[in-house]
């Protein structure tokens, strides 16, 4: 498998971004990509920016959670992950989740791959993730201490959901 020689999350991320860059330079958008755990996600039909954001976010699954982290080689927090994923697609977004929500264009439909999903997880705590398909999103989990996939349909996330926004 392609990931077998890439045990570190940063190495996997670099490999995914290199493949994406090569495909984009050749005028193509990948029709499939893989998360760090080998699960496949269909990116057919997504424009290049959305596909790039999703691939970059998925490339960080397994990266350690670090409060204030914005460098995949050292660790990421939730907004560091979303900023990193957008930067990989050439899109600049604010650094913190509240500013990302304030600056995003609201999504009134169901969130699409590449859109940001926002949550209120405590009295003054906010959280953000990147949608990868119609139900799942990638986020930097404080409880699991890693970047991981989660489902919007889970009670925990449904009860804390504030809405979605996009920069794409």
C-alpha atoms as a PDB file:
ATOM      1  CA  UNK A   1       0.000   0.000   0.000  1.00  0.00           C
ATOM      2  CA  UNK A   2       1.087   3.552  -0.743  1.00  0.00           C
ATOM      3  CA  UNK A   3       1.046   4.550   2.966  1.00  0.00           C
ATOM      4  CA  UNK A   4       3.279   1.685   4.177  1.00  0.00           C
ATOM      5  CA  UNK A   5       6.487   3.711   3.842  1.00  0.00           C
ATOM      6  CA  UNK A   6       4.937   6.821   5.378  1.00  0.00           C
ATOM      7  CA  UNK A   7       4.493   6.150   9.065  1.00  0.00           C
ATOM      8  CA  UNK A   8       4.665   9.752  10.284  1.00  0.00           C
ATOM      9  CA  UNK A   9       1.582  11.929   9.719  1.00  0.00           C
ATOM     10  CA  UNK A  10       3.700  14.756   8.318  1.00  0.00           C
ATOM     11  CA  UNK A  11       5.257  12.356   5.776  1.00  0.00           C
ATOM     12  CA  UNK A  12       1.805  11.116   4.718  1.00  0.00           C
ATOM     13  CA  UNK A  13       0.624  14.702   4.394  1.00  0.00           C
ATOM     14  CA  UNK A  14       3.616  15.663   2.292  1.00  0.00           C
ATOM     15  CA  UNK A  15       3.038  12.648   0.041  1.00  0.00           C
ATOM     16  CA  UNK A  16      -0.658  13.452  -0.475  1.00  0.00           C
ATOM     17  CA  UNK A  17       0.103  17.102  -1.214  1.00  0.00           C
ATOM     18  CA  UNK A  18       2.867  16.129  -3.651  1.00  0.00           C
ATOM     19  CA  UNK A  19       0.496  13.806  -5.514  1.00  0.00           C
ATOM     20  CA  UNK A  20      -2.204  16.492  -5.583  1.00  0.00           C
ATOM     21  CA  UNK A  21       0.267  19.081  -6.877  1.00  0.00           C
ATOM     22  CA  UNK A  22       1.435  16.712  -9.616  1.00  0.00           C
ATOM     23  CA  UNK A  23      -2.116  15.847 -10.681  1.00  0.00           C
ATOM     24  CA  UNK A  24      -3.175  19.487 -10.657  1.00  0.00           C
ATOM     25  CA  UNK A  25      -0.108  20.510 -12.679  1.00  0.00           C
ATOM     26  CA  UNK A  26      -1.037  17.859 -15.241  1.00  0.00           C
ATOM     27  CA  UNK A  27      -4.541  19.278 -15.523  1.00  0.00           C
ATOM     28  CA  UNK A  28      -6.339  16.570 -13.589  1.00  0.00           C
ATOM     29  CA  UNK A  29      -8.246  16.245 -10.372  1.00  0.00           C
ATOM     30  CA  UNK A  30      -7.911  12.947  -8.560  1.00  0.00           C
ATOM     31  CA  UNK A  31     -11.087  10.894  -8.562  1.00  0.00           C
ATOM     32  CA  UNK A  32     -10.220   9.148  -5.281  1.00  0.00           C
ATOM     33  CA  UNK A  33      -8.000   9.771  -2.298  1.00  0.00           C
ATOM     34  CA  UNK A  34      -7.222   7.863   0.888  1.00  0.00           C
ATOM     35  CA  UNK A  35      -7.242   8.901   4.519  1.00  0.00           C
ATOM     36  CA  UNK A  36      -4.358   7.938   6.770  1.00  0.00           C
ATOM     37  CA  UNK A  37      -6.164   4.744   7.778  1.00  0.00           C
ATOM     38  CA  UNK A  38      -6.586   3.659   4.155  1.00  0.00           C
ATOM     39  CA  UNK A  39     -10.298   4.465   3.848  1.00  0.00           C
ATOM     40  CA  UNK A  40     -11.140   5.766   0.384  1.00  0.00           C
ATOM     41  CA  UNK A  41     -13.083   8.956  -0.261  1.00  0.00           C
ATOM     42  CA  UNK A  42     -14.577   9.684  -3.670  1.00  0.00           C
ATOM     43  CA  UNK A  43     -13.655  13.180  -4.860  1.00  0.00           C
ATOM     44  CA  UNK A  44     -15.160  12.828  -8.335  1.00  0.00           C
ATOM     45  CA  UNK A  45     -17.152  15.880  -9.266  1.00  0.00           C
ATOM     46  CA  UNK A  46     -15.416  18.238  -6.830  1.00  0.00           C
ATOM     47  CA  UNK A  47     -13.655  21.288  -8.181  1.00  0.00           C
ATOM     48  CA  UNK A  48      -9.894  21.437  -7.673  1.00  0.00           C
ATOM     49  CA  UNK A  49      -9.995  23.710  -4.618  1.00  0.00           C
ATOM     50  CA  UNK A  50     -12.520  21.550  -2.764  1.00  0.00           C
ATOM     51  CA  UNK A  51     -10.606  18.386  -3.630  1.00  0.00           C
ATOM     52  CA  UNK A  52      -7.372  20.028  -2.436  1.00  0.00           C
ATOM     53  CA  UNK A  53      -8.885  21.088   0.896  1.00  0.00           C
ATOM     54  CA  UNK A  54     -10.332  17.610   1.518  1.00  0.00           C
ATOM     55  CA  UNK A  55      -7.096  15.837   0.553  1.00  0.00           C
ATOM     56  CA  UNK A  56      -4.992  18.111   2.749  1.00  0.00           C
ATOM     57  CA  UNK A  57      -7.317  17.608   5.731  1.00  0.00           C
ATOM     58  CA  UNK A  58      -7.399  13.821   5.263  1.00  0.00           C
ATOM     59  CA  UNK A  59      -3.614  13.754   4.962  1.00  0.00           C
ATOM     60  CA  UNK A  60      -3.405  14.905   8.575  1.00  0.00           C
ATOM     61  CA  UNK A  61      -5.508  12.124  10.128  1.00  0.00           C
ATOM     62  CA  UNK A  62      -3.361  10.771  12.953  1.00  0.00           C
ATOM     63  CA  UNK A  63      -1.403  13.999  13.474  1.00  0.00           C
ATOM     64  CA  UNK A  64      -1.160  14.836  17.198  1.00  0.00           C
ATOM     65  CA  UNK A  65      -3.433  17.491  18.672  1.00  0.00           C
ATOM     66  CA  UNK A  66      -1.469  20.454  20.059  1.00  0.00           C
ATOM     67  CA  UNK A  67      -3.240  23.494  21.492  1.00  0.00           C
ATOM     68  CA  UNK A  68      -2.337  26.451  19.256  1.00  0.00           C
ATOM     69  CA  UNK A  69      -0.699  24.084  16.751  1.00  0.00           C
ATOM     70  CA  UNK A  70      -0.498  25.239  13.159  1.00  0.00           C
ATOM     71  CA  UNK A  71       2.416  23.139  11.854  1.00  0.00           C
ATOM     72  CA  UNK A  72       1.640  19.500  10.959  1.00  0.00           C
ATOM     73  CA  UNK A  73       5.175  18.420  11.865  1.00  0.00           C
ATOM     74  CA  UNK A  74       4.627  19.649  15.438  1.00  0.00           C
ATOM     75  CA  UNK A  75       0.859  19.109  15.815  1.00  0.00           C
ATOM     76  CA  UNK A  76      -2.379  20.893  14.998  1.00  0.00           C
ATOM     77  CA  UNK A  77      -5.380  22.274  16.800  1.00  0.00           C
ATOM     78  CA  UNK A  78      -8.779  22.438  15.099  1.00  0.00           C
ATOM     79  CA  UNK A  79      -8.359  25.834  13.454  1.00  0.00           C
ATOM     80  CA  UNK A  80      -4.728  25.115  12.592  1.00  0.00           C
ATOM     81  CA  UNK A  81      -5.935  22.049  10.680  1.00  0.00           C
ATOM     82  CA  UNK A  82      -8.582  23.995   8.756  1.00  0.00           C
ATOM     83  CA  UNK A  83      -6.159  26.810   7.985  1.00  0.00           C
ATOM     84  CA  UNK A  84      -3.540  24.269   6.788  1.00  0.00           C
ATOM     85  CA  UNK A  85      -6.071  22.471   4.560  1.00  0.00           C
ATOM     86  CA  UNK A  86      -7.209  25.709   2.939  1.00  0.00           C
ATOM     87  CA  UNK A  87      -3.641  26.945   2.462  1.00  0.00           C
ATOM     88  CA  UNK A  88      -2.905  23.722   0.546  1.00  0.00           C
ATOM     89  CA  UNK A  89      -5.608  24.837  -1.904  1.00  0.00           C
ATOM     90  CA  UNK A  90      -4.222  28.378  -2.102  1.00  0.00           C
ATOM     91  CA  UNK A  91      -6.979  29.863   0.090  1.00  0.00           C
ATOM     92  CA  UNK A  92      -6.127  32.113   3.032  1.00  0.00           C
ATOM     93  CA  UNK A  93      -8.439  31.938   6.033  1.00  0.00           C
ATOM     94  CA  UNK A  94      -8.170  33.402   9.552  1.00  0.00           C
ATOM     95  CA  UNK A  95      -6.275  31.475  12.219  1.00  0.00           C
ATOM     96  CA  UNK A  96      -8.847  30.932  15.006  1.00  0.00           C
ATOM     97  CA  UNK A  97     -12.210  29.157  14.776  1.00  0.00           C
ATOM     98  CA  UNK A  98     -14.342  32.150  15.796  1.00  0.00           C
ATOM     99  CA  UNK A  99     -12.695  34.337  13.150  1.00  0.00           C
ATOM    100  CA  UNK A 100     -13.031  31.524  10.594  1.00  0.00           C
ATOM    101  CA  UNK A 101     -16.761  31.356  11.311  1.00  0.00           C
ATOM    102  CA  UNK A 102     -17.161  35.135  11.177  1.00  0.00           C
ATOM    103  CA  UNK A 103     -15.332  35.380   7.842  1.00  0.00           C
ATOM    104  CA  UNK A 104     -16.884  32.381   6.102  1.00  0.00           C
ATOM    105  CA  UNK A 105     -19.797  32.670   3.722  1.00  0.00           C
ATOM    106  CA  UNK A 106     -22.709  30.886   5.491  1.00  0.00           C
ATOM    107  CA  UNK A 107     -23.810  27.572   3.996  1.00  0.00           C
ATOM    108  CA  UNK A 108     -27.605  27.306   4.009  1.00  0.00           C
ATOM    109  CA  UNK A 109     -27.748  23.818   2.478  1.00  0.00           C
ATOM    110  CA  UNK A 110     -26.115  20.661   3.810  1.00  0.00           C
ATOM    111  CA  UNK A 111     -22.365  21.196   4.057  1.00  0.00           C
ATOM    112  CA  UNK A 112     -20.355  19.887   1.104  1.00  0.00           C
ATOM    113  CA  UNK A 113     -16.828  18.481   1.034  1.00  0.00           C
ATOM    114  CA  UNK A 114     -14.381  21.281   1.824  1.00  0.00           C
ATOM    115  CA  UNK A 115     -16.907  23.351   3.787  1.00  0.00           C
ATOM    116  CA  UNK A 116     -16.174  24.188   7.410  1.00  0.00           C
ATOM    117  CA  UNK A 117     -18.475  22.977  10.192  1.00  0.00           C
ATOM    118  CA  UNK A 118     -18.642  24.902  13.457  1.00  0.00           C
ATOM    119  CA  UNK A 119     -19.518  23.769  16.981  1.00  0.00           C
ATOM    120  CA  UNK A 120     -19.844  25.247  20.450  1.00  0.00           C
ATOM    121  CA  UNK A 121     -18.208  22.705  22.769  1.00  0.00           C
ATOM    122  CA  UNK A 122     -18.192  24.676  26.017  1.00  0.00           C
ATOM    123  CA  UNK A 123     -19.289  27.974  27.559  1.00  0.00           C
ATOM    124  CA  UNK A 124     -16.573  29.880  25.706  1.00  0.00           C
ATOM    125  CA  UNK A 125     -15.083  27.098  23.579  1.00  0.00           C
ATOM    126  CA  UNK A 126     -15.597  26.701  19.849  1.00  0.00           C
ATOM    127  CA  UNK A 127     -14.523  23.982  17.449  1.00  0.00           C
ATOM    128  CA  UNK A 128     -14.187  23.655  13.662  1.00  0.00           C
ATOM    129  CA  UNK A 129     -13.687  20.837  11.173  1.00  0.00           C
ATOM    130  CA  UNK A 130     -13.583  20.218   7.404  1.00  0.00           C
ATOM    131  CA  UNK A 131     -16.322  18.185   5.709  1.00  0.00           C
ATOM    132  CA  UNK A 132     -15.022  15.276   3.611  1.00  0.00           C
ATOM    133  CA  UNK A 133     -18.347  13.849   2.418  1.00  0.00           C
ATOM    134  CA  UNK A 134     -22.038  14.246   3.153  1.00  0.00           C
ATOM    135  CA  UNK A 135     -21.731  13.151   6.784  1.00  0.00           C
ATOM    136  CA  UNK A 136     -18.128  12.986   7.985  1.00  0.00           C
ATOM    137  CA  UNK A 137     -15.676  15.703   8.855  1.00  0.00           C
ATOM    138  CA  UNK A 138     -11.994  15.856   9.812  1.00  0.00           C
ATOM    139  CA  UNK A 139     -11.091  17.674  13.012  1.00  0.00           C
ATOM    140  CA  UNK A 140      -8.314  17.921  15.572  1.00  0.00           C
ATOM    141  CA  UNK A 141      -9.807  16.130  18.558  1.00  0.00           C
ATOM    142  CA  UNK A 142      -8.896  17.299  22.036  1.00  0.00           C
ATOM    143  CA  UNK A 143     -10.382  14.148  23.591  1.00  0.00           C
ATOM    144  CA  UNK A 144      -8.546  11.678  21.343  1.00  0.00           C
ATOM    145  CA  UNK A 145      -5.461  13.927  21.055  1.00  0.00           C
ATOM    146  CA  UNK A 146      -5.268  13.350  17.287  1.00  0.00           C
ATOM    147  CA  UNK A 147      -6.654  14.597  14.008  1.00  0.00           C
ATOM    148  CA  UNK A 148      -9.478  12.205  13.194  1.00  0.00           C
ATOM    149  CA  UNK A 149     -12.755  11.651  11.386  1.00  0.00           C
ATOM    150  CA  UNK A 150     -16.128  12.178  13.052  1.00  0.00           C
ATOM    151  CA  UNK A 151     -19.767  12.063  11.974  1.00  0.00           C
ATOM    152  CA  UNK A 152     -22.222  14.948  12.065  1.00  0.00           C
ATOM    153  CA  UNK A 153     -24.964  12.441  12.889  1.00  0.00           C
ATOM    154  CA  UNK A 154     -23.457  11.549  16.278  1.00  0.00           C
ATOM    155  CA  UNK A 155     -25.424  13.016  19.194  1.00  0.00           C
ATOM    156  CA  UNK A 156     -22.390  14.828  20.606  1.00  0.00           C
ATOM    157  CA  UNK A 157     -21.796  16.803  17.404  1.00  0.00           C
ATOM    158  CA  UNK A 158     -25.486  17.297  16.490  1.00  0.00           C
ATOM    159  CA  UNK A 159     -26.197  18.917  19.866  1.00  0.00           C
ATOM    160  CA  UNK A 160     -23.260  21.326  19.530  1.00  0.00           C
ATOM    161  CA  UNK A 161     -23.580  22.168  15.826  1.00  0.00           C
ATOM    162  CA  UNK A 162     -23.671  25.898  15.037  1.00  0.00           C
ATOM    163  CA  UNK A 163     -23.701  25.675  11.261  1.00  0.00           C
ATOM    164  CA  UNK A 164     -21.416  25.566   8.231  1.00  0.00           C
ATOM    165  CA  UNK A 165     -19.493  28.118   6.229  1.00  0.00           C
ATOM    166  CA  UNK A 166     -17.242  28.168   3.217  1.00  0.00           C
ATOM    167  CA  UNK A 167     -14.301  30.038   1.724  1.00  0.00           C
ATOM    168  CA  UNK A 168     -14.556  28.069  -1.543  1.00  0.00           C
END
